[in-house]
Amino acid sequence: MKNVLKEVTVLTKEGEVLGNSPSFVVALG
């Protein structure tokens, strides 16, 4: 995956959005 991954936008477990995409990847643990 790392070879084709360009950008990931995440939502932290506290609810903070990190990144610039219109949505997010929520976090584990």
PDB file of all heavy atoms in Angstrom:
ATOM      1  N   MET A   1       0.817  -1.206   0.000  1.00  0.00           N
ATOM      2  CA  MET A   1       0.000   0.000   0.000  1.00  0.00           C
ATOM      3  C   MET A   1       0.860   1.270   0.000  1.00  0.00           C
ATOM      4  O   MET A   1       0.513   2.257  -0.642  1.00  0.00           O
ATOM      5  CB  MET A   1      -0.938   0.010   1.217  1.00  0.00           C
ATOM      6  CG  MET A   1      -1.933  -1.144   1.260  1.00  0.00           C
ATOM      7  SD  MET A   1      -2.978  -1.229  -0.200  1.00  0.00           S
ATOM      8  CE  MET A   1      -3.929   0.270  -0.006  1.00  0.00           C
ATOM      9  N   LYS A   2       1.962   1.234   0.726  1.00  0.00           N
ATOM     10  CA  LYS A   2       2.797   2.433   0.826  1.00  0.00           C
ATOM     11  C   LYS A   2       3.345   2.879  -0.522  1.00  0.00           C
ATOM     12  O   LYS A   2       3.705   4.051  -0.699  1.00  0.00           O
ATOM     13  CB  LYS A   2       3.946   2.202   1.806  1.00  0.00           C
ATOM     14  CG  LYS A   2       5.008   1.214   1.338  1.00  0.00           C
ATOM     15  CD  LYS A   2       6.106   1.062   2.368  1.00  0.00           C
ATOM     16  CE  LYS A   2       7.186   0.094   1.919  1.00  0.00           C
ATOM     17  NZ  LYS A   2       7.896   0.566   0.711  1.00  0.00           N
ATOM     18  N   ASN A   3       3.399   1.964  -1.469  1.00  0.00           N
ATOM     19  CA  ASN A   3       3.951   2.305  -2.780  1.00  0.00           C
ATOM     20  C   ASN A   3       2.997   3.148  -3.628  1.00  0.00           C
ATOM     21  O   ASN A   3       3.424   3.807  -4.576  1.00  0.00           O
ATOM     22  CB  ASN A   3       4.309   1.030  -3.544  1.00  0.00           C
ATOM     23  CG  ASN A   3       5.415   0.246  -2.868  1.00  0.00           C
ATOM     24  OD1 ASN A   3       6.208   0.799  -2.110  1.00  0.00           O
ATOM     25  ND2 ASN A   3       5.478  -1.049  -3.126  1.00  0.00           N
ATOM     26  N   VAL A   4       1.699   3.087  -3.311  1.00  0.00           N
ATOM     27  CA  VAL A   4       0.719   3.826  -4.110  1.00  0.00           C
ATOM     28  C   VAL A   4      -0.041   4.862  -3.283  1.00  0.00           C
ATOM     29  O   VAL A   4      -0.817   5.647  -3.830  1.00  0.00           O
ATOM     30  CB  VAL A   4      -0.309   2.864  -4.765  1.00  0.00           C
ATOM     31  CG1 VAL A   4       0.366   2.009  -5.817  1.00  0.00           C
ATOM     32  CG2 VAL A   4      -0.986   1.993  -3.713  1.00  0.00           C
ATOM     33  N   LEU A   5       0.178   4.874  -1.979  1.00  0.00           N
ATOM     34  CA  LEU A   5      -0.546   5.788  -1.105  1.00  0.00           C
ATOM     35  C   LEU A   5      -0.046   7.219  -1.280  1.00  0.00           C
ATOM     36  O   LEU A   5       1.143   7.490  -1.201  1.00  0.00           O
ATOM     37  CB  LEU A   5      -0.372   5.353   0.351  1.00  0.00           C
ATOM     38  CG  LEU A   5      -1.220   6.053   1.395  1.00  0.00           C
ATOM     39  CD1 LEU A   5      -2.703   5.813   1.123  1.00  0.00           C
ATOM     40  CD2 LEU A   5      -0.849   5.569   2.786  1.00  0.00           C
ATOM     41  N   LYS A   6      -0.969   8.127  -1.503  1.00  0.00           N
ATOM     42  CA  LYS A   6      -0.611   9.535  -1.714  1.00  0.00           C
ATOM     43  C   LYS A   6      -0.955  10.382  -0.494  1.00  0.00           C
ATOM     44  O   LYS A   6      -0.172  11.238  -0.084  1.00  0.00           O
ATOM     45  CB  LYS A   6      -1.355  10.065  -2.941  1.00  0.00           C
ATOM     46  CG  LYS A   6      -1.073  11.524  -3.261  1.00  0.00           C
ATOM     47  CD  LYS A   6      -1.819  11.931  -4.529  1.00  0.00           C
ATOM     48  CE  LYS A   6      -1.521  13.385  -4.898  1.00  0.00           C
ATOM     49  NZ  LYS A   6      -2.263  13.794  -6.116  1.00  0.00           N
ATOM     50  N   GLU A   7      -2.116  10.157   0.083  1.00  0.00           N
ATOM     51  CA  GLU A   7      -2.567  11.007   1.188  1.00  0.00           C
ATOM     52  C   GLU A   7      -3.624  10.277   2.006  1.00  0.00           C
ATOM     53  O   GLU A   7      -4.460   9.560   1.468  1.00  0.00           O
ATOM     54  CB  GLU A   7      -3.170  12.297   0.627  1.00  0.00           C
ATOM     55  CG  GLU A   7      -3.721  13.250   1.671  1.00  0.00           C
ATOM     56  CD  GLU A   7      -4.365  14.470   1.026  1.00  0.00           C
ATOM     57  OE1 GLU A   7      -4.060  14.745  -0.155  1.00  0.00           O
ATOM     58  OE2 GLU A   7      -5.163  15.126   1.710  1.00  0.00           O
ATOM     59  N   VAL A   8      -3.566  10.449   3.316  1.00  0.00           N
ATOM     60  CA  VAL A   8      -4.596   9.918   4.204  1.00  0.00           C
ATOM     61  C   VAL A   8      -5.024  11.035   5.146  1.00  0.00           C
ATOM     62  O   VAL A   8      -4.183  11.717   5.722  1.00  0.00           O
ATOM     63  CB  VAL A   8      -4.079   8.727   5.042  1.00  0.00           C
ATOM     64  CG1 VAL A   8      -5.160   8.246   6.004  1.00  0.00           C
ATOM     65  CG2 VAL A   8      -3.627   7.586   4.143  1.00  0.00           C
ATOM     66  N   THR A   9      -6.308  11.241   5.278  1.00  0.00           N
ATOM     67  CA  THR A   9      -6.817  12.190   6.260  1.00  0.00           C
ATOM     68  C   THR A   9      -7.433  11.388   7.388  1.00  0.00           C
ATOM     69  O   THR A   9      -8.231  10.489   7.151  1.00  0.00           O
ATOM     70  CB  THR A   9      -7.866  13.122   5.639  1.00  0.00           C
ATOM     71  OG1 THR A   9      -7.262  13.818   4.559  1.00  0.00           O
ATOM     72  CG2 THR A   9      -8.367  14.127   6.663  1.00  0.00           C
ATOM     73  N   VAL A  10      -7.068  11.714   8.618  1.00  0.00           N
ATOM     74  CA  VAL A  10      -7.486  10.892   9.752  1.00  0.00           C
ATOM     75  C   VAL A  10      -8.314  11.673  10.756  1.00  0.00           C
ATOM     76  O   VAL A  10      -8.242  12.898  10.833  1.00  0.00           O
ATOM     77  CB  VAL A  10      -6.264  10.282  10.482  1.00  0.00           C
ATOM     78  CG1 VAL A  10      -5.403   9.500   9.524  1.00  0.00           C
ATOM     79  CG2 VAL A  10      -5.451  11.362  11.187  1.00  0.00           C
ATOM     80  N   LEU A  11      -9.097  10.927  11.502  1.00  0.00           N
ATOM     81  CA  LEU A  11      -9.827  11.469  12.638  1.00  0.00           C
ATOM     82  C   LEU A  11      -9.256  10.807  13.880  1.00  0.00           C
ATOM     83  O   LEU A  11      -9.287   9.591  14.005  1.00  0.00           O
ATOM     84  CB  LEU A  11     -11.316  11.137  12.509  1.00  0.00           C
ATOM     85  CG  LEU A  11     -12.219  11.578  13.656  1.00  0.00           C
ATOM     86  CD1 LEU A  11     -12.397  13.088  13.635  1.00  0.00           C
ATOM     87  CD2 LEU A  11     -13.557  10.880  13.572  1.00  0.00           C
ATOM     88  N   THR A  12      -8.712  11.579  14.789  1.00  0.00           N
ATOM     89  CA  THR A  12      -8.125  11.007  15.994  1.00  0.00           C
ATOM     90  C   THR A  12      -9.219  10.498  16.919  1.00  0.00           C
ATOM     91  O   THR A  12     -10.405  10.829  16.760  1.00  0.00           O
ATOM     92  CB  THR A  12      -7.280  12.043  16.757  1.00  0.00           C
ATOM     93  OG1 THR A  12      -8.155  13.026  17.316  1.00  0.00           O
ATOM     94  CG2 THR A  12      -6.275  12.711  15.839  1.00  0.00           C
ATOM     95  N   LYS A  13      -8.824   9.735  17.900  1.00  0.00           N
ATOM     96  CA  LYS A  13      -9.812   9.184  18.835  1.00  0.00           C
ATOM     97  C   LYS A  13     -10.468  10.271  19.678  1.00  0.00           C
ATOM     98  O   LYS A  13     -11.523  10.046  20.264  1.00  0.00           O
ATOM     99  CB  LYS A  13      -9.160   8.141  19.738  1.00  0.00           C
ATOM    100  CG  LYS A  13      -8.025   8.667  20.595  1.00  0.00           C
ATOM    101  CD  LYS A  13      -7.423   7.557  21.438  1.00  0.00           C
ATOM    102  CE  LYS A  13      -6.302   8.081  22.324  1.00  0.00           C
ATOM    103  NZ  LYS A  13      -5.725   7.007  23.169  1.00  0.00           N
ATOM    104  N   GLU A  14      -9.852  11.463  19.714  1.00  0.00           N
ATOM    105  CA  GLU A  14     -10.470  12.590  20.409  1.00  0.00           C
ATOM    106  C   GLU A  14     -11.438  13.365  19.517  1.00  0.00           C
ATOM    107  O   GLU A  14     -12.124  14.275  19.959  1.00  0.00           O
ATOM    108  CB  GLU A  14      -9.396  13.553  20.933  1.00  0.00           C
ATOM    109  CG  GLU A  14      -8.587  13.009  22.106  1.00  0.00           C
ATOM    110  CD  GLU A  14      -7.493  12.063  21.644  1.00  0.00           C
ATOM    111  OE1 GLU A  14      -7.138  12.119  20.440  1.00  0.00           O
ATOM    112  OE2 GLU A  14      -7.003  11.277  22.472  1.00  0.00           O
ATOM    113  N   GLY A  15     -11.459  13.040  18.213  1.00  0.00           N
ATOM    114  CA  GLY A  15     -12.372  13.705  17.294  1.00  0.00           C
ATOM    115  C   GLY A  15     -11.743  14.803  16.467  1.00  0.00           C
ATOM    116  O   GLY A  15     -12.438  15.554  15.786  1.00  0.00           O
ATOM    117  N   GLU A  16     -10.419  14.905  16.467  1.00  0.00           N
ATOM    118  CA  GLU A  16      -9.729  15.937  15.690  1.00  0.00           C
ATOM    119  C   GLU A  16      -9.389  15.413  14.303  1.00  0.00           C
ATOM    120  O   GLU A  16      -8.856  14.314  14.150  1.00  0.00           O
ATOM    121  CB  GLU A  16      -8.443  16.359  16.396  1.00  0.00           C
ATOM    122  CG  GLU A  16      -7.667  17.442  15.656  1.00  0.00           C
ATOM    123  CD  GLU A  16      -6.344  17.765  16.315  1.00  0.00           C
ATOM    124  OE1 GLU A  16      -6.000  17.110  17.321  1.00  0.00           O
ATOM    125  OE2 GLU A  16      -5.639  18.659  15.816  1.00  0.00           O
ATOM    126  N   VAL A  17      -9.698  16.205  13.275  1.00  0.00           N
ATOM    127  CA  VAL A  17      -9.402  15.831  11.893  1.00  0.00           C
ATOM    128  C   VAL A  17      -7.995  16.286  11.540  1.00  0.00           C
ATOM    129  O   VAL A  17      -7.643  17.457  11.733  1.00  0.00           O
ATOM    130  CB  VAL A  17     -10.409  16.453  10.918  1.00  0.00           C
ATOM    131  CG1 VAL A  17     -10.038  16.117   9.478  1.00  0.00           C
ATOM    132  CG2 VAL A  17     -11.814  15.956  11.222  1.00  0.00           C
ATOM    133  N   LEU A  18      -7.182  15.375  11.015  1.00  0.00           N
ATOM    134  CA  LEU A  18      -5.820  15.674  10.604  1.00  0.00           C
ATOM    135  C   LEU A  18      -5.680  15.377   9.121  1.00  0.00           C
ATOM    136  O   LEU A  18      -5.894  14.256   8.688  1.00  0.00           O
ATOM    137  CB  LEU A  18      -4.813  14.824  11.398  1.00  0.00           C
ATOM    138  CG  LEU A  18      -4.885  14.912  12.924  1.00  0.00           C
ATOM    139  CD1 LEU A  18      -3.876  13.952  13.545  1.00  0.00           C
ATOM    140  CD2 LEU A  18      -4.613  16.335  13.384  1.00  0.00           C
ATOM    141  N   GLY A  19      -5.297  16.372   8.332  1.00  0.00           N
ATOM    142  CA  GLY A  19      -5.140  16.159   6.900  1.00  0.00           C
ATOM    143  C   GLY A  19      -6.080  17.057   6.123  1.00  0.00           C
ATOM    144  O   GLY A  19      -6.902  17.774   6.687  1.00  0.00           O
ATOM    145  N   ASN A  20      -5.977  17.005   4.790  1.00  0.00           N
ATOM    146  CA  ASN A  20      -6.716  17.936   3.949  1.00  0.00           C
ATOM    147  C   ASN A  20      -7.776  17.292   3.072  1.00  0.00           C
ATOM    148  O   ASN A  20      -8.434  17.977   2.298  1.00  0.00           O
ATOM    149  CB  ASN A  20      -5.734  18.696   3.040  1.00  0.00           C
ATOM    150  CG  ASN A  20      -4.730  19.495   3.840  1.00  0.00           C
ATOM    151  OD1 ASN A  20      -5.099  20.170   4.789  1.00  0.00           O
ATOM    152  ND2 ASN A  20      -3.460  19.394   3.471  1.00  0.00           N
ATOM    153  N   SER A  21      -7.945  15.965   3.156  1.00  0.00           N
ATOM    154  CA  SER A  21      -8.959  15.319   2.329  1.00  0.00           C
ATOM    155  C   SER A  21     -10.350  15.706   2.817  1.00  0.00           C
ATOM    156  O   SER A  21     -10.517  16.158   3.945  1.00  0.00           O
ATOM    157  CB  SER A  21      -8.789  13.795   2.388  1.00  0.00           C
ATOM    158  OG  SER A  21      -7.591  13.411   1.763  1.00  0.00           O
ATOM    159  N   PRO A  22     -11.383  15.501   1.989  1.00  0.00           N
ATOM    160  CA  PRO A  22     -12.738  15.873   2.392  1.00  0.00           C
ATOM    161  C   PRO A  22     -13.316  14.938   3.439  1.00  0.00           C
ATOM    162  O   PRO A  22     -14.425  15.132   3.902  1.00  0.00           O
ATOM    163  CB  PRO A  22     -13.526  15.770   1.082  1.00  0.00           C
ATOM    164  CG  PRO A  22     -12.768  14.797   0.259  1.00  0.00           C
ATOM    165  CD  PRO A  22     -11.325  15.025   0.605  1.00  0.00           C
ATOM    166  N   SER A  23     -12.598  13.909   3.813  1.00  0.00           N
ATOM    167  CA  SER A  23     -13.072  12.979   4.830  1.00  0.00           C
ATOM    168  C   SER A  23     -11.888  12.501   5.629  1.00  0.00           C
ATOM    169  O   SER A  23     -10.904  13.205   5.730  1.00  0.00           O
ATOM    170  CB  SER A  23     -13.812  11.835   4.141  1.00  0.00           C
ATOM    171  OG  SER A  23     -14.694  11.215   5.017  1.00  0.00           O
ATOM    172  N   PHE A  24     -11.934  11.330   6.209  1.00  0.00           N
ATOM    173  CA  PHE A  24     -10.871  10.948   7.139  1.00  0.00           C
ATOM    174  C   PHE A  24     -10.770   9.451   7.338  1.00  0.00           C
ATOM    175  O   PHE A  24     -11.651   8.698   7.014  1.00  0.00           O
ATOM    176  CB  PHE A  24     -11.144  11.591   8.509  1.00  0.00           C
ATOM    177  CG  PHE A  24     -12.547  11.384   8.930  1.00  0.00           C
ATOM    178  CD1 PHE A  24     -12.938  10.186   9.488  1.00  0.00           C
ATOM    179  CD2 PHE A  24     -13.494  12.354   8.717  1.00  0.00           C
ATOM    180  CE1 PHE A  24     -14.251   9.976   9.833  1.00  0.00           C
ATOM    181  CE2 PHE A  24     -14.813  12.140   9.063  1.00  0.00           C
ATOM    182  CZ  PHE A  24     -15.189  10.955   9.623  1.00  0.00           C
ATOM    183  N   VAL A  25      -9.648   8.999   7.951  1.00  0.00           N
ATOM    184  CA  VAL A  25      -9.465   7.619   8.417  1.00  0.00           C
ATOM    185  C   VAL A  25      -9.557   7.657   9.924  1.00  0.00           C
ATOM    186  O   VAL A  25      -8.781   8.336  10.526  1.00  0.00           O
ATOM    187  CB  VAL A  25      -8.059   7.085   8.150  1.00  0.00           C
ATOM    188  CG1 VAL A  25      -7.872   5.734   8.778  1.00  0.00           C
ATOM    189  CG2 VAL A  25      -7.778   7.034   6.712  1.00  0.00           C
ATOM    190  N   VAL A  26     -10.449   6.942  10.531  1.00  0.00           N
ATOM    191  CA  VAL A  26     -10.538   6.983  11.993  1.00  0.00           C
ATOM    192  C   VAL A  26      -9.483   6.070  12.574  1.00  0.00           C
ATOM    193  O   VAL A  26      -9.094   5.125  11.956  1.00  0.00           O
ATOM    194  CB  VAL A  26     -11.899   6.496  12.483  1.00  0.00           C
ATOM    195  CG1 VAL A  26     -12.020   6.749  13.961  1.00  0.00           C
ATOM    196  CG2 VAL A  26     -13.000   7.182  11.759  1.00  0.00           C
ATOM    197  N   ALA A  27      -9.089   6.315  13.811  1.00  0.00           N
ATOM    198  CA  ALA A  27      -7.961   5.592  14.348  1.00  0.00           C
ATOM    199  C   ALA A  27      -8.255   4.422  15.252  1.00  0.00           C
ATOM    200  O   ALA A  27      -9.307   4.345  15.811  1.00  0.00           O
ATOM    201  CB  ALA A  27      -7.094   6.558  15.080  1.00  0.00           C
ATOM    202  N   LEU A  28      -7.286   3.545  15.386  1.00  0.00           N
ATOM    203  CA  LEU A  28      -7.383   2.350  16.232  1.00  0.00           C
ATOM    204  C   LEU A  28      -6.477   2.518  17.432  1.00  0.00           C
ATOM    205  O   LEU A  28      -5.369   2.978  17.295  1.00  0.00           O
ATOM    206  CB  LEU A  28      -6.854   1.142  15.471  1.00  0.00           C
ATOM    207  CG  LEU A  28      -7.827   0.250  14.767  1.00  0.00           C
ATOM    208  CD1 LEU A  28      -7.088  -0.966  14.324  1.00  0.00           C
ATOM    209  CD2 LEU A  28      -8.983  -0.137  15.620  1.00  0.00           C
ATOM    210  N   GLY A  29      -6.931   2.081  18.566  1.00  0.00           N
ATOM    211  CA  GLY A  29      -6.080   2.043  19.742  1.00  0.00           C
ATOM    212  C   GLY A  29      -5.478   3.394  20.081  1.00  0.00           C
ATOM    213  O   GLY A  29      -6.160   4.388  20.173  1.00  0.00           O
TER     214      GLY A  29
END
